[in-house]
Amino acid sequence: MWERLSPGSVANQVEQQITQAIESGRYSPGDRLPPEREFAELLGVSRPTVREAIGALKARGVLRVVHGRGVFIAEPETARELREALATQRHSISELFAMREVLEVPAAGWAAERQDAEALQRVSSVLQSMAEATEQVPRDFERLQQLDEAFHLAIVEAAGNKFLQQTLGVLQQILHQGMQTTLMVPGRVEAAREDHQRILDALLAGDSEAARQAALHHVHSARATAMQRLEERAESEASTVS
């Protein structure tokens, strides 16, 4: 793989060999170069020459030196930035769904206990509209997401807490603007419809514990789908970068 350099060769020739090894695919991001002594012997050059070449490639962002472990091929800057951005987004999405859990789960229990007939009728009406939209071909996913959001807002309204209603509204705006609708994931519309029906059944029955459990299950399911969607996007964009 490595060619011995002729006497008098300088560090830039070592740089060229390393660069060619990366460009040809023999070395990929994350791969480790041979230890300095071994590398110098393979190339027939001095260790200071190898250090000079590695230093130059490190400065250009081609190599990454990890003290005590060795020298590694670095990720392309765009790939690294994408990975870090997606990691941040995953963290943000996870926190947003944690907030949904804090808001929606107790709200479902309060709505079941409160038994505001008019408010519960609005919840039922929204769910019926969502069922009708589900049957449309082709599906209008923007409309479905609007109805999904309206369903949860109606439950909070049925709980009788205006502050919770305002807070959930802001949270849904952030979720809506920050990612593509998870309802486009195959099977998600049907799963959400079943979750919503279980929540409504518990509300109408006045079973606060069942309502909380159904709401909790729904938030966890929606979070898993959102993270799946994000991972698929990460894989797609990473392959485009590479």
Protein backbone atom coordinates (compact mmCIF):
# COMPACT_ATOMS: atom_id res chain seq x y z
CA MET A 1 0.00 0.00 0.00
CA TRP A 2 2.73 2.41 0.99
CA GLU A 3 5.64 3.09 -1.40
CA ARG A 4 9.16 3.76 -0.18
CA LEU A 5 10.25 7.23 -1.16
CA SER A 6 13.50 7.88 -2.92
CA PRO A 7 16.40 9.44 -0.98
CA GLY A 8 16.04 13.15 -0.53
CA SER A 9 12.25 13.05 -0.66
CA VAL A 10 10.58 15.73 1.38
CA ALA A 11 7.55 15.78 3.64
CA ASN A 12 5.18 16.93 0.92
CA GLN A 13 5.66 13.58 -0.82
CA VAL A 14 4.52 11.86 2.35
CA GLU A 15 1.53 14.19 2.37
CA GLN A 16 0.74 13.22 -1.21
CA GLN A 17 0.84 9.50 -0.42
CA ILE A 18 -1.49 9.94 2.53
CA THR A 19 -3.85 12.12 0.50
CA GLN A 20 -3.89 9.61 -2.36
CA ALA A 21 -4.63 6.77 0.06
CA ILE A 22 -7.67 8.70 1.31
CA GLU A 23 -8.89 9.74 -2.13
CA SER A 24 -8.58 6.19 -3.46
CA GLY A 25 -10.71 4.87 -0.61
CA ARG A 26 -7.96 2.79 0.98
CA TYR A 27 -8.35 4.92 4.09
CA SER A 28 -11.69 6.27 5.31
CA PRO A 29 -12.68 8.79 8.00
CA GLY A 30 -11.95 7.27 11.38
CA ASP A 31 -9.19 4.92 10.14
CA ARG A 32 -5.87 5.08 11.96
CA LEU A 33 -2.51 5.51 10.27
CA PRO A 34 0.38 3.19 11.17
CA PRO A 35 2.42 4.20 14.24
CA GLU A 36 5.04 6.85 13.50
CA ARG A 37 8.08 4.55 13.69
CA GLU A 38 6.44 1.87 11.52
CA PHE A 39 5.16 4.47 9.07
CA ALA A 40 8.63 6.00 8.70
CA GLU A 41 10.13 2.57 8.02
CA LEU A 42 7.44 1.75 5.44
CA LEU A 43 8.15 4.96 3.56
CA GLY A 44 11.91 4.89 4.04
CA VAL A 45 12.01 8.34 5.60
CA SER A 46 12.90 9.77 8.98
CA ARG A 47 10.39 10.13 11.79
CA PRO A 48 10.73 13.94 11.79
CA THR A 49 9.69 13.90 8.11
CA VAL A 50 6.59 11.86 8.97
CA ARG A 51 5.80 14.25 11.85
CA GLU A 52 6.13 17.22 9.52
CA ALA A 53 3.76 15.69 6.94
CA ILE A 54 1.23 14.73 9.61
CA GLY A 55 1.42 18.22 11.11
CA ALA A 56 0.69 19.80 7.74
CA LEU A 57 -2.27 17.49 7.06
CA LYS A 58 -3.59 18.06 10.58
CA ALA A 59 -3.49 21.83 9.98
CA ARG A 60 -5.54 21.31 6.81
CA GLY A 61 -8.11 19.23 8.69
CA VAL A 62 -7.23 16.02 6.84
CA LEU A 63 -5.82 14.20 9.88
CA ARG A 64 -6.77 14.18 13.54
CA VAL A 65 -4.18 13.45 16.23
CA VAL A 66 -5.46 11.81 19.43
CA HIS A 67 -2.73 11.77 22.06
CA GLY A 68 -2.08 8.28 23.37
CA ARG A 69 -4.11 6.68 20.58
CA GLY A 70 -2.60 7.72 17.27
CA VAL A 71 -3.30 9.61 14.06
CA PHE A 72 -6.69 9.22 12.39
CA ILE A 73 -8.26 10.25 9.12
CA ALA A 74 -10.56 13.17 9.96
CA GLU A 75 -14.15 13.52 8.86
CA PRO A 76 -14.78 16.09 6.11
CA GLU A 77 -15.76 19.39 7.74
CA THR A 78 -19.22 19.35 6.17
CA ALA A 79 -19.90 15.84 7.44
CA ARG A 80 -18.73 16.75 10.95
CA GLU A 81 -20.86 19.87 11.01
CA LEU A 82 -23.88 17.90 9.79
CA ARG A 83 -23.38 15.23 12.45
CA GLU A 84 -23.08 17.82 15.21
CA ALA A 85 -26.12 19.73 13.95
CA LEU A 86 -28.22 16.57 13.84
CA ALA A 87 -27.04 15.56 17.31
CA THR A 88 -28.17 18.96 18.58
CA GLN A 89 -31.50 18.58 16.81
CA ARG A 90 -32.01 15.09 18.26
CA HIS A 91 -31.39 16.53 21.72
CA SER A 92 -33.82 19.40 21.07
CA ILE A 93 -36.54 17.10 19.74
CA SER A 94 -36.14 14.83 22.75
CA GLU A 95 -36.53 17.78 25.13
CA LEU A 96 -39.60 19.05 23.26
CA PHE A 97 -41.32 15.68 23.56
CA ALA A 98 -40.39 15.57 27.24
CA MET A 99 -42.26 18.87 27.58
CA ARG A 100 -45.23 17.42 25.70
CA GLU A 101 -45.29 14.58 28.21
CA VAL A 102 -45.26 17.03 31.11
CA LEU A 103 -48.14 19.00 29.59
CA GLU A 104 -50.37 16.49 27.81
CA VAL A 105 -50.37 13.53 30.19
CA PRO A 106 -51.77 15.34 33.26
CA ALA A 107 -54.05 17.40 31.00
CA ALA A 108 -55.70 14.20 29.74
CA GLY A 109 -56.29 13.08 33.32
CA TRP A 110 -57.77 16.44 34.31
CA ALA A 111 -60.02 16.48 31.25
CA ALA A 112 -61.35 13.04 32.17
CA GLU A 113 -62.03 14.16 35.74
CA ARG A 114 -63.56 17.50 34.78
CA GLN A 115 -66.07 16.01 32.31
CA ASP A 116 -66.85 19.25 30.46
CA ALA A 117 -69.38 17.83 27.98
CA GLU A 118 -69.05 20.70 25.49
CA ALA A 119 -65.25 20.57 25.51
CA LEU A 120 -65.20 16.79 25.13
CA GLN A 121 -67.58 17.10 22.19
CA ARG A 122 -65.02 19.36 20.50
CA VAL A 123 -62.33 16.72 21.07
CA SER A 124 -64.60 14.11 19.50
CA SER A 125 -65.43 16.40 16.59
CA VAL A 126 -61.77 17.04 15.80
CA LEU A 127 -61.07 13.31 15.89
CA GLN A 128 -63.93 12.70 13.47
CA SER A 129 -62.52 15.31 11.09
CA MET A 130 -59.15 13.62 11.31
CA ALA A 131 -60.73 10.24 10.50
CA GLU A 132 -62.35 11.75 7.41
CA ALA A 133 -59.08 13.38 6.32
CA THR A 134 -57.33 10.03 6.76
CA GLU A 135 -59.62 8.44 4.19
CA GLN A 136 -58.92 11.06 1.53
CA VAL A 137 -56.76 10.07 -1.45
CA PRO A 138 -54.20 11.48 -1.78
CA ARG A 139 -53.74 12.37 1.86
CA ASP A 140 -53.24 16.00 2.78
CA PHE A 141 -50.52 15.63 5.42
CA GLU A 142 -50.47 19.34 6.21
CA ARG A 143 -54.19 19.16 7.01
CA LEU A 144 -53.69 15.98 9.04
CA GLN A 145 -50.99 17.62 11.13
CA GLN A 146 -53.18 20.64 11.76
CA LEU A 147 -55.97 18.35 12.98
CA ASP A 148 -53.50 16.37 15.09
CA GLU A 149 -52.41 19.57 16.80
CA ALA A 150 -56.04 20.70 17.20
CA PHE A 151 -56.90 17.38 18.88
CA HIS A 152 -54.29 17.84 21.59
CA LEU A 153 -55.16 21.49 22.11
CA ALA A 154 -58.81 20.52 22.51
CA ILE A 155 -57.85 18.07 25.26
CA VAL A 156 -55.90 20.74 27.12
CA GLU A 157 -58.87 23.06 26.71
CA ALA A 158 -61.10 20.33 28.18
CA ALA A 159 -58.75 20.23 31.17
CA GLY A 160 -59.74 23.84 31.89
CA ASN A 161 -56.22 25.29 32.12
CA LYS A 162 -55.65 28.24 29.79
CA PHE A 163 -51.97 28.52 30.69
CA LEU A 164 -51.39 24.93 29.63
CA GLN A 165 -53.27 25.60 26.43
CA GLN A 166 -51.06 28.56 25.54
CA THR A 167 -47.89 26.67 26.45
CA LEU A 168 -48.82 23.64 24.36
CA GLY A 169 -49.69 25.90 21.43
CA VAL A 170 -46.20 27.42 21.44
CA LEU A 171 -44.62 23.99 21.80
CA GLN A 172 -46.53 22.67 18.80
CA GLN A 173 -45.44 25.65 16.70
CA ILE A 174 -41.81 24.83 17.47
CA LEU A 175 -42.30 21.17 16.60
CA HIS A 176 -44.18 22.07 13.41
CA GLN A 177 -41.51 24.49 12.20
CA GLY A 178 -38.52 22.42 13.26
CA MET A 179 -39.17 19.17 11.38
CA GLN A 180 -41.22 17.56 8.67
CA THR A 181 -44.46 15.99 9.77
CA THR A 182 -44.01 12.54 11.31
CA LEU A 183 -47.41 11.57 9.94
CA MET A 184 -45.73 10.90 6.59
CA VAL A 185 -43.91 7.91 8.08
CA PRO A 186 -45.71 4.78 6.77
CA GLY A 187 -48.26 3.52 9.29
CA ARG A 188 -48.02 6.56 11.55
CA VAL A 189 -51.42 7.99 10.60
CA GLU A 190 -53.12 4.72 11.51
CA ALA A 191 -51.16 4.39 14.75
CA ALA A 192 -51.99 7.97 15.76
CA ARG A 193 -55.65 7.39 14.96
CA GLU A 194 -55.74 4.36 17.29
CA ASP A 195 -53.92 6.28 20.02
CA HIS A 196 -56.32 9.21 19.73
CA GLN A 197 -59.34 6.91 19.92
CA ARG A 198 -58.01 5.29 23.11
CA ILE A 199 -57.50 8.72 24.64
CA LEU A 200 -61.01 9.84 23.68
CA ASP A 201 -62.59 6.63 24.99
CA ALA A 202 -60.90 7.16 28.36
CA LEU A 203 -61.99 10.81 28.45
CA LEU A 204 -65.62 9.98 27.74
CA ALA A 205 -65.54 7.19 30.33
CA GLY A 206 -64.22 9.60 32.95
CA ASP A 207 -61.26 7.27 33.57
CA SER A 208 -58.43 9.67 34.42
CA GLU A 209 -55.77 6.98 34.90
CA ALA A 210 -56.55 5.35 31.54
CA ALA A 211 -56.54 8.78 29.90
CA ARG A 212 -53.09 9.57 31.32
CA GLN A 213 -51.69 6.20 30.27
CA ALA A 214 -53.12 6.53 26.75
CA ALA A 215 -51.69 10.04 26.42
CA LEU A 216 -48.30 8.87 27.71
CA HIS A 217 -48.22 6.00 25.23
CA HIS A 218 -49.10 8.38 22.40
CA VAL A 219 -46.36 10.90 23.25
CA HIS A 220 -43.76 8.13 23.50
CA SER A 221 -44.90 6.66 20.19
CA ALA A 222 -44.81 10.06 18.47
CA ARG A 223 -41.34 10.73 19.88
CA ALA A 224 -40.03 7.39 18.58
CA THR A 225 -41.41 8.17 15.13
CA ALA A 226 -39.91 11.67 15.15
CA MET A 227 -36.49 10.30 16.10
CA GLN A 228 -36.80 7.63 13.40
CA ARG A 229 -37.59 10.34 10.86
CA LEU A 230 -34.58 12.33 12.02
CA GLU A 231 -32.26 9.32 11.80
CA GLU A 232 -33.45 8.60 8.26
CA ARG A 233 -32.76 12.19 7.32
CA ALA A 234 -29.31 12.00 8.92
CA GLU A 235 -28.43 8.86 6.94
CA SER A 236 -29.72 10.39 3.71
CA GLU A 237 -27.84 13.67 4.14
CA ALA A 238 -24.67 11.92 5.33
CA SER A 239 -24.63 9.76 2.20
CA THR A 240 -25.08 12.89 0.09
CA VAL A 241 -22.15 14.59 1.81
CA SER A 242 -19.89 11.58 1.44
